């Protein structure tokens, strides 16, 4: 199993996603002799998972069933163990596009954190590219190395435990892109410039506060970066559901139309929008935004090495 080389069959040692529903899923490490508890009953790895195809429908001990999915960076972002705040698919998608990443690209990242963005970057640059990721916290760096090894991508990533603001990324003039997600990114702009290739490399800095953005932009200008711009990505999710609205009073014309012989008791008219005219409401399908939405996550500042 690898996050970048997809396989058909579940094997011992794989990481798989147990899918109970769109709002309920979790990762599991497949191991001989191990069982996983769900609200639908027990999943026995030896008999229910190993040797089955990814995407299979597995029946649990209580009769309920789940799907077993192959892990992807998108699914991992939704299910990973949080060691830090993470970036989600909304920001990740614009980062990979604006940094102009492709297979074979060399990318530097700081900090690694929970590895949400890291997995997406690795898949984007595979099979010939490489990610150099720097994490200040020793335990988080060690856990990231362990996860990359378990996920079959360790040959595509190098994890370094150091302070990027003081010691840089450990590489020089080879990176196509640099990404910064640290409290004081302006202190790492000089090291980012040193890591980028001679000309045309791209940089992105993620910061939750506009004051951080201001200092970072000043540092980018000082080090000669051009095309500096800042974006804020806001996601608005819609639910498609049935809603009821009152029928407007259109006067005598509406009364004349209602007397044209429409019979709401006729079975063929049941379910029609007109079926609820006598109750003064009409039902139809509509896209409705969620009552509570995730607002501001952070600002993304991009620039080009000139």
Foldseek 3Di string as FASTA:
>chain_A
DAQQDDDFAFAQLAWKKWAPDPVDIEIDGQHQPDWDQDPQAIDHRNPFGGGHTQQDWGAHPNGDITGIHHDYLQVCQVHFDFPDDDDHPQVLVVVCVQQVFAAAAEEEEPACGRPSSVRVNLNRNPDNYAYQHEYQDPVNLVVVCVVCVSNVRNVRYDYHHHDCLPVNRPAFQRGQEYEYEDPQCLSNVVSRLRRHHPFWRKYKYWFADVVSVVSNVVSCVVQPWPPKDKDWGFDWDWDKDKDKDFDDCPDPVVVVVVPPDDDLVPPVCPPPQCNCVVVRMGMDIDIHTDPDGDGTDTMMIMTTHD
